[in-house]
């Protein structure tokens, strides 16, 4: 290999190493209160929300459930809650 090829390989290794999960700030999901109502009344439930959910893959068996148009793919993932 030439010096240029070795340099490019080194840069690719450094770039790949930089793609690791961050450790400076823990991931915190803001609280979100929900109500579940039935015929006998409503109950409050504390939950949380992920604000950047559209940047996270929702997958089924390793296959992305979003299409390239940022819409749900019902042919592959029929139920978004599953």
N, C-alpha and C. Protein backbone atom coordinates (compact mmCIF):
# COMPACT_ATOMS: atom_id res chain seq x y z
N UNK A 1 0.83 -1.21 0.00
CA UNK A 1 0.00 0.00 0.00
C UNK A 1 0.86 1.26 0.00
N UNK A 2 0.33 2.27 -0.63
CA UNK A 2 1.06 3.54 -0.69
C UNK A 2 0.82 4.33 0.59
N UNK A 3 1.61 5.37 0.75
CA UNK A 3 1.46 6.23 1.93
C UNK A 3 0.08 6.89 1.95
N UNK A 4 -0.42 7.27 0.79
CA UNK A 4 -1.74 7.90 0.70
C UNK A 4 -2.83 6.91 1.11
N UNK A 5 -2.73 5.66 0.69
CA UNK A 5 -3.72 4.66 1.06
C UNK A 5 -3.70 4.40 2.56
N UNK A 6 -2.51 4.34 3.15
CA UNK A 6 -2.40 4.14 4.59
C UNK A 6 -2.98 5.32 5.36
N UNK A 7 -2.75 6.53 4.86
CA UNK A 7 -3.30 7.73 5.50
C UNK A 7 -4.82 7.71 5.44
N UNK A 8 -5.39 7.36 4.29
CA UNK A 8 -6.84 7.29 4.15
C UNK A 8 -7.43 6.21 5.07
N UNK A 9 -6.76 5.09 5.18
CA UNK A 9 -7.22 4.04 6.07
C UNK A 9 -7.21 4.52 7.52
N UNK A 10 -6.18 5.23 7.90
CA UNK A 10 -6.10 5.78 9.25
C UNK A 10 -7.22 6.76 9.54
N UNK A 11 -7.52 7.62 8.57
CA UNK A 11 -8.62 8.58 8.75
C UNK A 11 -9.96 7.87 8.86
N UNK A 12 -10.16 6.80 8.09
CA UNK A 12 -11.41 6.05 8.16
C UNK A 12 -11.57 5.37 9.52
N UNK A 13 -10.49 4.87 10.06
CA UNK A 13 -10.55 4.23 11.38
C UNK A 13 -10.88 5.27 12.44
N UNK A 14 -10.26 6.44 12.37
CA UNK A 14 -10.56 7.51 13.33
C UNK A 14 -12.01 7.97 13.21
N UNK A 15 -12.48 8.09 11.99
CA UNK A 15 -13.87 8.51 11.77
C UNK A 15 -14.85 7.48 12.35
N UNK A 16 -14.58 6.21 12.15
CA UNK A 16 -15.45 5.16 12.69
C UNK A 16 -15.42 5.17 14.22
N UNK A 17 -14.27 5.41 14.80
CA UNK A 17 -14.15 5.44 16.26
C UNK A 17 -14.92 6.62 16.84
N UNK A 18 -15.06 7.70 16.07
CA UNK A 18 -15.79 8.87 16.53
C UNK A 18 -17.29 8.71 16.52
N UNK A 19 -17.80 7.62 16.00
CA UNK A 19 -19.24 7.40 15.90
C UNK A 19 -19.82 6.68 17.11
N UNK A 20 -19.09 6.61 18.20
CA UNK A 20 -19.56 5.92 19.40
C UNK A 20 -20.54 6.80 20.17
N UNK A 21 -21.30 6.17 21.04
CA UNK A 21 -22.27 6.90 21.86
C UNK A 21 -21.55 7.86 22.80
N UNK A 22 -22.12 9.02 23.00
CA UNK A 22 -21.52 10.02 23.88
C UNK A 22 -21.67 9.65 25.35
N UNK A 23 -20.78 10.18 26.17
CA UNK A 23 -20.81 9.89 27.60
C UNK A 23 -20.84 11.16 28.44
N UNK A 24 -20.81 12.34 27.81
CA UNK A 24 -20.76 13.58 28.57
C UNK A 24 -22.09 13.94 29.20
N UNK A 25 -23.18 13.64 28.52
CA UNK A 25 -24.51 13.95 29.04
C UNK A 25 -25.38 12.71 28.99
N UNK A 26 -25.99 12.35 30.10
CA UNK A 26 -26.91 11.21 30.05
C UNK A 26 -28.17 11.60 29.28
N UNK A 27 -28.77 10.63 28.63
CA UNK A 27 -30.00 10.88 27.89
C UNK A 27 -31.15 10.99 28.87
N UNK A 28 -31.87 12.10 28.83
CA UNK A 28 -32.99 12.33 29.73
C UNK A 28 -34.24 12.56 28.89
N UNK A 29 -35.28 11.83 29.19
CA UNK A 29 -36.53 11.96 28.46
C UNK A 29 -37.49 12.80 29.31
N UNK A 30 -38.00 13.90 28.79
CA UNK A 30 -38.93 14.74 29.55
C UNK A 30 -40.19 13.97 29.96
N UNK A 31 -40.69 14.30 31.16
CA UNK A 31 -41.92 13.66 31.64
C UNK A 31 -43.11 14.06 30.79
N UNK A 32 -44.04 13.15 30.68
CA UNK A 32 -45.28 13.40 29.95
C UNK A 32 -46.39 12.66 30.69
N UNK A 33 -47.40 13.39 31.12
CA UNK A 33 -48.54 12.78 31.81
C UNK A 33 -49.61 12.44 30.78
N UNK A 34 -50.13 11.23 30.86
CA UNK A 34 -51.18 10.75 29.96
C UNK A 34 -52.40 10.39 30.78
N UNK A 35 -53.56 10.42 30.15
CA UNK A 35 -54.80 9.97 30.78
C UNK A 35 -55.37 8.83 29.97
N UNK A 36 -55.77 7.80 30.67
CA UNK A 36 -56.46 6.69 30.04
C UNK A 36 -57.88 6.69 30.59
N UNK A 37 -58.83 6.89 29.71
CA UNK A 37 -60.22 7.04 30.14
C UNK A 37 -61.05 5.84 29.69
N UNK A 38 -61.91 5.41 30.59
CA UNK A 38 -62.88 4.35 30.31
C UNK A 38 -64.25 4.86 30.74
N UNK A 39 -65.24 4.02 30.64
CA UNK A 39 -66.58 4.41 31.05
C UNK A 39 -66.68 4.72 32.54
N UNK A 40 -65.76 4.20 33.34
CA UNK A 40 -65.83 4.43 34.78
C UNK A 40 -64.94 5.59 35.24
N UNK A 41 -64.31 6.31 34.32
CA UNK A 41 -63.48 7.45 34.70
C UNK A 41 -62.13 7.44 34.02
N UNK A 42 -61.29 8.37 34.45
CA UNK A 42 -59.97 8.53 33.84
C UNK A 42 -58.87 8.33 34.90
N UNK A 43 -57.77 7.77 34.46
CA UNK A 43 -56.60 7.59 35.33
C UNK A 43 -55.41 8.26 34.67
N UNK A 44 -54.61 8.97 35.48
CA UNK A 44 -53.39 9.59 34.98
C UNK A 44 -52.24 8.60 35.08
N UNK A 45 -51.38 8.62 34.07
CA UNK A 45 -50.18 7.78 34.05
C UNK A 45 -48.98 8.64 33.69
N UNK A 46 -47.92 8.51 34.44
CA UNK A 46 -46.69 9.25 34.14
C UNK A 46 -45.87 8.45 33.13
N UNK A 47 -45.43 9.11 32.10
CA UNK A 47 -44.64 8.48 31.06
C UNK A 47 -43.51 9.43 30.69
N UNK A 48 -42.87 9.21 29.57
CA UNK A 48 -41.83 10.12 29.09
C UNK A 48 -41.90 10.15 27.57
N UNK A 49 -41.19 11.09 27.00
CA UNK A 49 -41.22 11.29 25.55
C UNK A 49 -39.79 11.43 25.04
N UNK A 50 -39.56 10.95 23.82
CA UNK A 50 -38.28 11.11 23.15
C UNK A 50 -38.49 12.15 22.06
N UNK A 51 -37.81 13.28 22.19
CA UNK A 51 -38.04 14.38 21.26
C UNK A 51 -37.42 14.16 19.89
N UNK A 52 -36.40 13.35 19.80
CA UNK A 52 -35.76 13.12 18.51
C UNK A 52 -36.12 11.76 17.93
N UNK A 53 -37.33 11.31 18.18
CA UNK A 53 -37.73 9.96 17.79
C UNK A 53 -37.62 9.74 16.28
N UNK A 54 -37.82 10.76 15.47
CA UNK A 54 -37.75 10.55 14.02
C UNK A 54 -36.33 10.28 13.55
N UNK A 55 -35.34 10.48 14.41
CA UNK A 55 -33.96 10.18 14.04
C UNK A 55 -33.53 8.81 14.55
N UNK A 56 -34.42 8.12 15.24
CA UNK A 56 -34.11 6.79 15.75
C UNK A 56 -34.87 5.77 14.91
N UNK A 57 -34.20 4.72 14.59
CA UNK A 57 -34.86 3.68 13.81
C UNK A 57 -35.86 2.93 14.66
N UNK A 58 -37.06 2.82 14.16
CA UNK A 58 -38.03 1.89 14.71
C UNK A 58 -37.94 0.70 13.78
N UNK A 59 -37.53 -0.43 14.30
CA UNK A 59 -37.30 -1.52 13.38
C UNK A 59 -37.95 -2.81 13.82
N UNK A 60 -38.06 -3.67 12.88
CA UNK A 60 -38.61 -5.00 13.11
C UNK A 60 -37.64 -5.96 12.44
N UNK A 61 -36.93 -6.70 13.25
CA UNK A 61 -35.96 -7.64 12.69
C UNK A 61 -34.80 -6.96 12.00
N UNK A 62 -34.44 -5.75 12.43
CA UNK A 62 -33.33 -5.04 11.83
C UNK A 62 -33.69 -4.22 10.61
N UNK A 63 -34.93 -4.26 10.17
CA UNK A 63 -35.39 -3.51 9.00
C UNK A 63 -36.09 -2.23 9.46
N UNK A 64 -35.74 -1.10 8.88
CA UNK A 64 -36.33 0.18 9.26
C UNK A 64 -37.80 0.23 8.87
N UNK A 65 -38.64 0.70 9.80
CA UNK A 65 -40.08 0.79 9.54
C UNK A 65 -40.48 2.12 8.90
N UNK A 66 -39.54 3.06 8.77
CA UNK A 66 -39.83 4.33 8.09
C UNK A 66 -39.39 4.23 6.64
N UNK A 67 -40.14 4.87 5.76
CA UNK A 67 -39.76 4.94 4.36
C UNK A 67 -38.81 6.12 4.18
N UNK A 68 -38.33 6.33 2.99
CA UNK A 68 -37.43 7.46 2.72
C UNK A 68 -38.15 8.80 2.83
N UNK A 69 -39.47 8.79 2.84
CA UNK A 69 -40.25 10.03 2.96
C UNK A 69 -40.64 10.29 4.41
N UNK A 70 -39.98 9.66 5.37
CA UNK A 70 -40.27 9.81 6.80
C UNK A 70 -41.72 9.46 7.13
N UNK A 71 -42.24 8.47 6.46
CA UNK A 71 -43.58 7.98 6.77
C UNK A 71 -43.48 6.51 7.17
N UNK A 72 -44.48 6.02 7.86
CA UNK A 72 -44.50 4.65 8.33
C UNK A 72 -44.73 3.69 7.18
N UNK A 73 -44.02 2.58 7.16
CA UNK A 73 -44.17 1.57 6.12
C UNK A 73 -45.11 0.47 6.60
N UNK A 74 -46.41 0.55 6.29
CA UNK A 74 -47.37 -0.43 6.80
C UNK A 74 -47.20 -1.82 6.20
N UNK A 75 -46.52 -1.94 5.06
CA UNK A 75 -46.33 -3.26 4.46
C UNK A 75 -45.33 -4.09 5.26
N UNK A 76 -44.36 -3.42 5.87
CA UNK A 76 -43.35 -4.16 6.65
C UNK A 76 -43.68 -4.17 8.13
N UNK A 77 -44.11 -3.03 8.66
CA UNK A 77 -44.44 -2.92 10.09
C UNK A 77 -45.90 -2.51 10.19
N UNK A 78 -46.78 -3.48 10.24
CA UNK A 78 -48.21 -3.19 10.17
C UNK A 78 -48.73 -2.43 11.37
N UNK A 79 -48.14 -2.62 12.55
CA UNK A 79 -48.63 -1.98 13.76
C UNK A 79 -47.51 -1.16 14.39
N UNK A 80 -47.62 0.18 14.39
CA UNK A 80 -46.56 1.01 14.97
C UNK A 80 -46.30 0.74 16.44
N UNK A 81 -47.28 0.20 17.16
CA UNK A 81 -47.09 -0.06 18.58
C UNK A 81 -46.41 -1.42 18.84
N UNK A 82 -46.35 -2.27 17.83
CA UNK A 82 -45.78 -3.61 18.04
C UNK A 82 -44.27 -3.60 18.00
